Amino acid sequence: MTLNEAKTATRIQQEGILMHAQTVLDMTTEFAKSDALAAKRATANKLKRDTNGVNDALYGLGRTSHESVPLDTVNELLMHYGFDRLESMLLCGREGRLHEAVGRNRWLALTWYKYESGRYEVVAYVS
């Protein structure tokens, strides 16, 4: 083997090692990206499950009439599903609505109406 052939063989071997290292680095980067994407998807799926769960519970709350607007129950449901609780408040009037943030990009919409009997109809959901 001549000196030029040996230099060429060494250069090809070094390029092969560099190409292999770059391939491994690219694969590692892709795995990291896929792990981050999987974590993001898992978080989004959990938020969707929690939103659906609290909305199912709030739907059940709206299927009966109440002696007063059940804010304590609404707060318990929100906290159970990982959302922020509402600040203390006094709701006035025969009918009304409120729209409050209960988490990042999540809002509680709540309306109430007082019947002639004195009982309240409450409709609430998280969007």
C-alpha atoms as a PDB file:
ATOM      1  CA  MET A   1       0.000   0.000   0.000  1.00  0.00           C
ATOM      2  CA  THR A   2       1.404   3.367  -0.969  1.00  0.00           C
ATOM      3  CA  LEU A   3       1.462   6.410   1.247  1.00  0.00           C
ATOM      4  CA  ASN A   4      -1.387   8.073  -0.706  1.00  0.00           C
ATOM      5  CA  GLU A   5      -3.480   4.931  -0.477  1.00  0.00           C
ATOM      6  CA  ALA A   6      -2.868   4.771   3.280  1.00  0.00           C
ATOM      7  CA  LYS A   7      -3.808   8.443   3.699  1.00  0.00           C
ATOM      8  CA  THR A   8      -6.972   7.887   1.645  1.00  0.00           C
ATOM      9  CA  ALA A   9      -7.887   4.809   3.666  1.00  0.00           C
ATOM     10  CA  THR A  10      -7.337   6.746   6.922  1.00  0.00           C
ATOM     11  CA  ARG A  11      -9.425   9.666   5.667  1.00  0.00           C
ATOM     12  CA  ILE A  12     -12.247   7.334   4.602  1.00  0.00           C
ATOM     13  CA  GLN A  13     -12.130   5.609   7.982  1.00  0.00           C
ATOM     14  CA  GLN A  14     -12.236   8.973   9.815  1.00  0.00           C
ATOM     15  CA  GLU A  15     -15.138  10.149   7.653  1.00  0.00           C
ATOM     16  CA  GLY A  16     -16.951   6.900   8.386  1.00  0.00           C
ATOM     17  CA  ILE A  17     -16.461   7.414  12.130  1.00  0.00           C
ATOM     18  CA  LEU A  18     -17.676  11.001  11.853  1.00  0.00           C
ATOM     19  CA  MET A  19     -20.680   9.931   9.799  1.00  0.00           C
ATOM     20  CA  HIS A  20     -21.494   7.250  12.388  1.00  0.00           C
ATOM     21  CA  ALA A  21     -21.138   9.776  15.230  1.00  0.00           C
ATOM     22  CA  GLN A  22     -23.392  12.234  13.392  1.00  0.00           C
ATOM     23  CA  THR A  23     -25.958   9.478  12.797  1.00  0.00           C
ATOM     24  CA  VAL A  24     -25.926   8.585  16.492  1.00  0.00           C
ATOM     25  CA  LEU A  25     -26.267  12.271  17.402  1.00  0.00           C
ATOM     26  CA  ASP A  26     -29.163  12.675  14.944  1.00  0.00           C
ATOM     27  CA  MET A  27     -30.881   9.605  16.393  1.00  0.00           C
ATOM     28  CA  THR A  28     -30.408  10.910  19.934  1.00  0.00           C
ATOM     29  CA  THR A  29     -31.869  14.264  18.910  1.00  0.00           C
ATOM     30  CA  GLU A  30     -34.838  12.542  17.261  1.00  0.00           C
ATOM     31  CA  PHE A  31     -35.433  10.433  20.385  1.00  0.00           C
ATOM     32  CA  ALA A  32     -35.340  13.569  22.535  1.00  0.00           C
ATOM     33  CA  LYS A  33     -37.816  15.275  20.210  1.00  0.00           C
ATOM     34  CA  SER A  34     -40.114  12.251  20.248  1.00  0.00           C
ATOM     35  CA  ASP A  35     -39.904  12.087  24.073  1.00  0.00           C
ATOM     36  CA  ALA A  36     -40.817  15.773  24.311  1.00  0.00           C
ATOM     37  CA  LEU A  37     -43.666  15.263  21.859  1.00  0.00           C
ATOM     38  CA  ALA A  38     -44.898  12.234  23.809  1.00  0.00           C
ATOM     39  CA  ALA A  39     -44.821  14.247  27.052  1.00  0.00           C
ATOM     40  CA  LYS A  40     -46.710  17.096  25.385  1.00  0.00           C
ATOM     41  CA  ARG A  41     -49.318  14.667  24.053  1.00  0.00           C
ATOM     42  CA  ALA A  42     -49.679  13.019  27.458  1.00  0.00           C
ATOM     43  CA  THR A  43     -50.261  16.418  29.077  1.00  0.00           C
ATOM     44  CA  ALA A  44     -52.827  17.372  26.431  1.00  0.00           C
ATOM     45  CA  ASN A  45     -54.595  14.020  26.831  1.00  0.00           C
ATOM     46  CA  LYS A  46     -54.710  14.411  30.618  1.00  0.00           C
ATOM     47  CA  LEU A  47     -56.149  17.919  30.281  1.00  0.00           C
ATOM     48  CA  LYS A  48     -58.780  16.641  27.875  1.00  0.00           C
ATOM     49  CA  ARG A  49     -59.693  13.748  30.217  1.00  0.00           C
ATOM     50  CA  ASP A  50     -59.892  16.127  33.190  1.00  0.00           C
ATOM     51  CA  THR A  51     -62.034  18.595  31.231  1.00  0.00           C
ATOM     52  CA  ASN A  52     -64.390  15.836  30.104  1.00  0.00           C
ATOM     53  CA  GLY A  53     -64.553  14.420  33.640  1.00  0.00           C
ATOM     54  CA  VAL A  54     -65.406  17.717  35.303  1.00  0.00           C
ATOM     55  CA  ASN A  55     -67.949  18.511  32.582  1.00  0.00           C
ATOM     56  CA  ASP A  56     -69.686  15.166  33.116  1.00  0.00           C
ATOM     57  CA  ALA A  57     -69.857  15.891  36.854  1.00  0.00           C
ATOM     58  CA  LEU A  58     -71.107  19.449  36.278  1.00  0.00           C
ATOM     59  CA  TYR A  59     -73.730  18.113  33.875  1.00  0.00           C
ATOM     60  CA  GLY A  60     -74.987  15.861  36.676  1.00  0.00           C
ATOM     61  CA  LEU A  61     -75.088  18.860  38.994  1.00  0.00           C
ATOM     62  CA  GLY A  62     -77.333  20.700  36.548  1.00  0.00           C
ATOM     63  CA  ARG A  63     -79.856  17.877  36.310  1.00  0.00           C
ATOM     64  CA  THR A  64     -81.427  18.777  39.673  1.00  0.00           C
ATOM     65  CA  SER A  65     -82.582  22.030  41.244  1.00  0.00           C
ATOM     66  CA  HIS A  66     -80.809  23.454  44.302  1.00  0.00           C
ATOM     67  CA  GLU A  67     -81.714  25.552  47.334  1.00  0.00           C
ATOM     68  CA  SER A  68     -78.831  27.886  46.470  1.00  0.00           C
ATOM     69  CA  VAL A  69     -76.106  28.096  43.830  1.00  0.00           C
ATOM     70  CA  PRO A  70     -73.786  25.208  44.852  1.00  0.00           C
ATOM     71  CA  LEU A  71     -70.414  26.966  44.586  1.00  0.00           C
ATOM     72  CA  ASP A  72     -68.829  24.696  47.206  1.00  0.00           C
ATOM     73  CA  THR A  73     -69.748  21.632  45.162  1.00  0.00           C
ATOM     74  CA  VAL A  74     -68.465  23.280  41.983  1.00  0.00           C
ATOM     75  CA  ASN A  75     -65.164  24.065  43.744  1.00  0.00           C
ATOM     76  CA  GLU A  76     -64.852  20.482  44.995  1.00  0.00           C
ATOM     77  CA  LEU A  77     -65.390  19.142  41.482  1.00  0.00           C
ATOM     78  CA  LEU A  78     -62.882  21.592  39.990  1.00  0.00           C
ATOM     79  CA  MET A  79     -60.234  20.680  42.557  1.00  0.00           C
ATOM     80  CA  HIS A  80     -60.893  16.948  42.176  1.00  0.00           C
ATOM     81  CA  TYR A  81     -60.085  17.171  38.465  1.00  0.00           C
ATOM     82  CA  GLY A  82     -57.005  19.368  38.967  1.00  0.00           C
ATOM     83  CA  PHE A  83     -58.424  22.792  38.151  1.00  0.00           C
ATOM     84  CA  ASP A  84     -58.090  25.977  40.209  1.00  0.00           C
ATOM     85  CA  ARG A  85     -60.850  26.712  42.674  1.00  0.00           C
ATOM     86  CA  LEU A  86     -63.003  29.799  42.356  1.00  0.00           C
ATOM     87  CA  GLU A  87     -62.348  32.772  44.573  1.00  0.00           C
ATOM     88  CA  SER A  88     -64.896  33.383  47.315  1.00  0.00           C
ATOM     89  CA  MET A  89     -67.824  35.328  45.944  1.00  0.00           C
ATOM     90  CA  LEU A  90     -71.410  36.225  46.582  1.00  0.00           C
ATOM     91  CA  LEU A  91     -73.801  35.619  43.713  1.00  0.00           C
ATOM     92  CA  CYS A  92     -76.808  37.932  43.673  1.00  0.00           C
ATOM     93  CA  GLY A  93     -79.993  38.101  41.657  1.00  0.00           C
ATOM     94  CA  ARG A  94     -82.675  35.795  40.380  1.00  0.00           C
ATOM     95  CA  GLU A  95     -80.510  34.983  37.401  1.00  0.00           C
ATOM     96  CA  GLY A  96     -76.957  35.583  36.359  1.00  0.00           C
ATOM     97  CA  ARG A  97     -73.792  34.219  34.858  1.00  0.00           C
ATOM     98  CA  LEU A  98     -70.118  34.126  35.545  1.00  0.00           C
ATOM     99  CA  HIS A  99     -67.088  33.287  33.452  1.00  0.00           C
ATOM    100  CA  GLU A 100     -63.945  32.583  35.489  1.00  0.00           C
ATOM    101  CA  ALA A 101     -60.487  31.194  34.709  1.00  0.00           C
ATOM    102  CA  VAL A 102     -59.916  27.815  36.358  1.00  0.00           C
ATOM    103  CA  GLY A 103     -56.582  26.933  34.788  1.00  0.00           C
ATOM    104  CA  ARG A 104     -54.344  27.622  31.860  1.00  0.00           C
ATOM    105  CA  ASN A 105     -56.627  28.178  28.871  1.00  0.00           C
ATOM    106  CA  ARG A 106     -59.572  26.742  30.798  1.00  0.00           C
ATOM    107  CA  TRP A 107     -62.653  28.687  31.844  1.00  0.00           C
ATOM    108  CA  LEU A 108     -65.719  27.877  33.903  1.00  0.00           C
ATOM    109  CA  ALA A 109     -69.010  29.161  32.525  1.00  0.00           C
ATOM    110  CA  LEU A 110     -71.796  29.086  35.103  1.00  0.00           C
ATOM    111  CA  THR A 111     -75.353  30.395  34.865  1.00  0.00           C
ATOM    112  CA  TRP A 112     -78.141  30.297  37.414  1.00  0.00           C
ATOM    113  CA  TYR A 113     -81.844  30.969  37.456  1.00  0.00           C
ATOM    114  CA  LYS A 114     -84.156  31.129  40.469  1.00  0.00           C
ATOM    115  CA  TYR A 115     -87.594  29.564  39.974  1.00  0.00           C
ATOM    116  CA  GLU A 116     -90.780  30.900  41.581  1.00  0.00           C
ATOM    117  CA  SER A 117     -90.454  28.014  44.056  1.00  0.00           C
ATOM    118  CA  GLY A 118     -87.203  29.534  45.332  1.00  0.00           C
ATOM    119  CA  ARG A 119     -85.000  26.736  43.993  1.00  0.00           C
ATOM    120  CA  TYR A 120     -82.150  27.352  41.534  1.00  0.00           C
ATOM    121  CA  GLU A 121     -81.346  25.845  38.186  1.00  0.00           C
ATOM    122  CA  VAL A 122     -77.591  25.816  37.586  1.00  0.00           C
ATOM    123  CA  VAL A 123     -75.796  25.106  34.317  1.00  0.00           C
ATOM    124  CA  ALA A 124     -72.002  24.940  34.333  1.00  0.00           C
ATOM    125  CA  TYR A 125     -69.202  23.684  32.113  1.00  0.00           C
ATOM    126  CA  VAL A 126     -65.451  24.081  31.624  1.00  0.00           C
ATOM    127  CA  SER A 127     -64.161  25.114  28.199  1.00  0.00           C
END
